[in-house]
Amino acid sequence: MADFSHLLPTQFILYGDDGYDSHVIRLLLEEKQLSYELALVEDERPDELAELNPYGTLPILVGRDITLYELNTIFEYLEERHGAGKLLPDTPKERAMVRQLAWRLQTDWLTLGRTLLTHPDSFNPKTALAAKKSLSDSLITLSPIFAKHEYFLSESFGWCDVILAPLLWRLPSMGIELPTKLCKPLLTYQDRLFSRPSFKNSLKSRPNFLDKTDSSI
């Protein structure tokens, strides 16, 4: 088993790829301004990943004394462990509401997005066409709600925005082009997300703080 005891409490290694889930965690780490090394995993996955995650999925976030590989669990750990860049509100009621909204986003929009982002080997054109229409129609219909607040149903950037930003970034690769006139509030919100320094950094190469080499994405 690999030894990560050399890491500082605020240092992490992120085993990830160029997919949606890894992007969410990169954005999360950037938003909280935490130090991490990106260990980019391409098609062939090293044997050590099986030791870190029995399911073989990415991303995997490794700290000095912890290994996590489920999206929401990683978020909850970082939110509780690291105070900077809080992404949940102050009161239990408000936190519960945000968690429920996040669950709905993942159940509805993200489920459709995952269908469209499926690997070509298992891509089902008929299912993808239905998912594309459903996601596109839903985004168009709900676009007006993005005019009411600076961020997703909130005046401050939060967990729901972390979930949405990488999904919206991938709309072109899903073949979805939102109509400008009907989706102006959503497109404005989208531009607001993409202009955040944390989002820009989540798209860049990260220096390896262990040996000073670069990992590219």
Protein backbone atom coordinates (compact mmCIF):
# COMPACT_ATOMS: atom_id res chain seq x y z
CA MET A 1 0.00 0.00 0.00
CA ALA A 2 1.30 3.44 -0.92
CA ASP A 3 2.41 5.67 1.94
CA PHE A 4 1.12 9.25 1.96
CA SER A 5 2.29 10.23 5.43
CA HIS A 6 4.69 12.78 3.90
CA LEU A 7 1.77 14.99 2.85
CA LEU A 8 0.93 18.05 4.89
CA PRO A 9 -2.63 18.33 6.33
CA THR A 10 -3.57 20.78 3.56
CA GLN A 11 -1.94 18.82 0.71
CA PHE A 12 -3.70 16.27 -1.46
CA ILE A 13 -3.08 14.04 -4.42
CA LEU A 14 -5.97 13.91 -6.87
CA TYR A 15 -6.09 10.89 -9.14
CA GLY A 16 -8.32 12.07 -11.95
CA ASP A 17 -9.03 12.22 -15.64
CA ASP A 18 -10.54 14.86 -17.94
CA GLY A 19 -14.09 13.82 -17.06
CA TYR A 20 -16.86 15.66 -15.27
CA ASP A 21 -16.35 14.20 -11.78
CA SER A 22 -12.64 14.94 -11.68
CA HIS A 23 -13.36 18.47 -12.88
CA VAL A 24 -15.81 19.00 -10.01
CA ILE A 25 -13.18 18.03 -7.45
CA ARG A 26 -10.52 20.18 -9.10
CA LEU A 27 -12.90 23.15 -8.97
CA LEU A 28 -13.68 22.34 -5.35
CA LEU A 29 -9.99 22.24 -4.41
CA GLU A 30 -9.33 25.48 -6.31
CA GLU A 31 -12.27 27.23 -4.67
CA LYS A 32 -10.96 26.24 -1.24
CA GLN A 33 -7.42 27.18 -2.30
CA LEU A 34 -5.99 23.83 -1.23
CA SER A 35 -2.65 22.51 -2.48
CA TYR A 36 -2.92 19.42 -4.65
CA GLU A 37 -1.00 17.40 -7.18
CA LEU A 38 -2.97 16.11 -10.15
CA ALA A 39 -2.04 12.53 -10.96
CA LEU A 40 -3.57 12.34 -14.42
CA VAL A 41 -4.96 8.89 -15.21
CA GLU A 42 -5.55 8.07 -18.86
CA ASP A 43 -6.92 4.88 -20.42
CA GLU A 44 -4.69 2.40 -18.63
CA ARG A 45 -5.08 2.65 -14.87
CA PRO A 46 -2.17 1.74 -12.59
CA ASP A 47 -2.52 -1.15 -10.14
CA GLU A 48 -2.24 1.19 -7.15
CA LEU A 49 -5.69 2.62 -7.92
CA ALA A 50 -7.29 -0.71 -7.05
CA GLU A 51 -5.74 -0.41 -3.59
CA LEU A 52 -7.12 3.10 -3.19
CA ASN A 53 -10.60 2.51 -4.61
CA PRO A 54 -12.14 -0.98 -4.90
CA TYR A 55 -14.64 0.33 -7.47
CA GLY A 56 -11.94 1.54 -9.84
CA THR A 57 -13.66 4.87 -10.41
CA LEU A 58 -12.22 8.38 -10.61
CA PRO A 59 -11.60 10.78 -9.03
CA ILE A 60 -9.75 9.58 -5.94
CA LEU A 61 -8.65 12.18 -3.42
CA VAL A 62 -5.79 11.15 -1.16
CA GLY A 63 -4.64 13.01 1.93
CA ARG A 64 -2.06 12.22 4.54
CA ASP A 65 -4.37 9.86 6.43
CA ILE A 66 -7.50 9.53 4.28
CA THR A 67 -8.61 8.25 0.86
CA LEU A 68 -11.96 9.29 -0.61
CA TYR A 69 -13.60 8.37 -3.92
CA GLU A 70 -17.28 9.43 -3.83
CA LEU A 71 -18.13 12.92 -5.08
CA ASN A 72 -20.42 14.06 -2.29
CA THR A 73 -18.30 12.45 0.42
CA ILE A 74 -15.24 14.33 -0.85
CA PHE A 75 -17.21 17.56 -0.77
CA GLU A 76 -18.54 17.01 2.74
CA TYR A 77 -15.07 16.14 4.05
CA LEU A 78 -13.41 19.21 2.54
CA GLU A 79 -16.28 21.45 3.65
CA GLU A 80 -16.01 20.26 7.26
CA ARG A 81 -12.24 19.92 7.41
CA HIS A 82 -11.18 23.15 5.70
CA GLY A 83 -12.88 26.38 6.74
CA ALA A 84 -11.81 28.60 3.84
CA GLY A 85 -14.20 29.03 0.94
CA LYS A 86 -17.32 27.71 2.66
CA LEU A 87 -19.83 26.39 0.12
CA LEU A 88 -22.74 25.69 2.46
CA PRO A 89 -24.84 28.27 4.38
CA ASP A 90 -24.62 28.87 8.13
CA THR A 91 -27.87 27.39 9.43
CA PRO A 92 -28.89 23.68 9.48
CA LYS A 93 -32.10 24.47 7.60
CA GLU A 94 -30.29 26.33 4.82
CA ARG A 95 -27.61 23.64 4.56
CA ALA A 96 -30.28 20.96 4.25
CA MET A 97 -31.99 22.90 1.47
CA VAL A 98 -28.73 23.30 -0.48
CA ARG A 99 -27.93 19.59 -0.10
CA GLN A 100 -31.40 18.74 -1.38
CA LEU A 101 -31.00 21.08 -4.37
CA ALA A 102 -27.61 19.52 -5.09
CA TRP A 103 -29.18 16.07 -4.98
CA ARG A 104 -31.86 17.18 -7.44
CA LEU A 105 -29.27 18.61 -9.83
CA GLN A 106 -27.32 15.36 -9.74
CA THR A 107 -30.47 13.23 -10.10
CA ASP A 108 -31.97 15.24 -12.94
CA TRP A 109 -29.51 17.24 -15.04
CA LEU A 110 -26.35 15.34 -14.21
CA THR A 111 -27.94 11.97 -14.93
CA LEU A 112 -28.85 13.21 -18.41
CA GLY A 113 -25.39 14.71 -18.84
CA ARG A 114 -23.71 11.44 -17.94
CA THR A 115 -25.75 9.71 -20.64
CA LEU A 116 -24.45 12.18 -23.22
CA LEU A 117 -20.88 11.95 -21.96
CA THR A 118 -20.82 8.16 -22.08
CA HIS A 119 -17.74 6.51 -23.56
CA PRO A 120 -18.23 5.79 -27.30
CA ASP A 121 -17.95 2.03 -26.68
CA SER A 122 -21.22 2.05 -24.73
CA PHE A 123 -22.94 5.02 -26.36
CA ASN A 124 -26.60 4.41 -27.24
CA PRO A 125 -27.71 6.92 -29.92
CA LYS A 126 -31.43 6.56 -29.20
CA THR A 127 -31.01 7.02 -25.46
CA ALA A 128 -28.61 9.90 -26.03
CA LEU A 129 -31.04 11.70 -28.34
CA ALA A 130 -33.78 11.53 -25.71
CA ALA A 131 -31.36 12.71 -23.00
CA LYS A 132 -30.17 15.60 -25.16
CA LYS A 133 -33.72 16.82 -25.79
CA SER A 134 -34.71 16.43 -22.15
CA LEU A 135 -31.65 18.28 -20.81
CA SER A 136 -31.87 21.03 -23.41
CA ASP A 137 -35.62 21.57 -22.85
CA SER A 138 -35.16 21.64 -19.08
CA LEU A 139 -32.34 24.19 -19.22
CA ILE A 140 -34.36 26.43 -21.54
CA THR A 141 -37.49 26.17 -19.40
CA LEU A 142 -35.69 26.91 -16.15
CA SER A 143 -33.39 29.61 -17.51
CA PRO A 144 -35.47 32.46 -15.96
CA ILE A 145 -34.63 31.31 -12.41
CA PHE A 146 -31.00 32.27 -13.04
CA ALA A 147 -32.05 35.93 -13.34
CA LYS A 148 -33.18 36.14 -9.73
CA HIS A 149 -29.84 35.57 -7.99
CA GLU A 150 -26.13 36.02 -8.57
CA TYR A 151 -25.59 32.28 -8.34
CA PHE A 152 -27.82 29.19 -8.27
CA LEU A 153 -30.77 30.29 -6.07
CA SER A 154 -28.28 32.15 -3.89
CA GLU A 155 -26.33 35.38 -3.72
CA SER A 156 -23.12 33.50 -2.90
CA PHE A 157 -21.18 30.84 -4.80
CA GLY A 158 -21.89 27.40 -3.35
CA TRP A 159 -21.92 23.63 -3.78
CA CYS A 160 -24.67 23.72 -6.43
CA ASP A 161 -22.55 26.06 -8.55
CA VAL A 162 -19.57 23.69 -8.23
CA ILE A 163 -21.80 20.91 -9.57
CA LEU A 164 -23.22 23.00 -12.41
CA ALA A 165 -20.12 24.73 -13.75
CA PRO A 166 -18.34 21.63 -15.17
CA LEU A 167 -21.65 20.38 -16.59
CA LEU A 168 -22.41 23.65 -18.37
CA TRP A 169 -18.81 23.76 -19.66
CA ARG A 170 -19.45 20.44 -21.38
CA LEU A 171 -22.70 21.38 -23.13
CA PRO A 172 -20.97 21.92 -26.50
CA SER A 173 -19.41 18.44 -26.33
CA MET A 174 -22.91 17.08 -25.66
CA GLY A 175 -24.14 18.79 -28.82
CA ILE A 176 -26.29 21.26 -26.87
CA GLU A 177 -26.37 24.90 -27.98
CA LEU A 178 -28.67 27.05 -25.88
CA PRO A 179 -30.70 29.70 -27.78
CA THR A 180 -29.43 33.14 -26.79
CA LYS A 181 -32.80 34.89 -26.63
CA LEU A 182 -34.50 32.24 -24.51
CA CYS A 183 -31.54 31.52 -22.25
CA LYS A 184 -29.99 34.92 -21.61
CA PRO A 185 -30.17 34.58 -17.77
CA LEU A 186 -28.61 31.12 -17.85
CA LEU A 187 -25.90 32.17 -20.32
CA THR A 188 -25.06 35.21 -18.16
CA TYR A 189 -24.84 32.95 -15.10
CA GLN A 190 -22.67 30.56 -17.07
CA ASP A 191 -20.26 33.33 -18.05
CA ARG A 192 -20.13 34.42 -14.42
CA LEU A 193 -19.06 30.93 -13.37
CA PHE A 194 -16.49 30.55 -16.13
CA SER A 195 -14.87 33.89 -15.26
CA ARG A 196 -14.11 32.90 -11.66
CA PRO A 197 -10.37 32.43 -11.03
CA SER A 198 -11.07 29.06 -9.41
CA PHE A 199 -12.82 27.80 -12.54
CA LYS A 200 -10.08 29.07 -14.83
CA ASN A 201 -7.49 27.35 -12.64
CA SER A 202 -9.47 24.11 -12.69
CA LEU A 203 -8.83 23.94 -16.44
CA LYS A 204 -5.07 24.48 -16.21
CA SER A 205 -2.11 22.21 -15.61
CA ARG A 206 -1.15 21.85 -11.97
CA PRO A 207 2.47 21.85 -10.77
CA ASN A 208 3.48 18.73 -8.89
CA PHE A 209 4.39 20.01 -5.43
CA LEU A 210 6.23 16.76 -4.71
CA ASP A 211 8.83 16.75 -7.48
CA LYS A 212 8.10 20.05 -9.30
CA THR A 213 7.16 18.40 -12.59
CA ASP A 214 4.04 19.29 -14.52
CA SER A 215 0.90 17.22 -14.97
CA SER A 216 -1.14 18.28 -17.97
CA ILE A 217 -4.82 17.83 -18.62
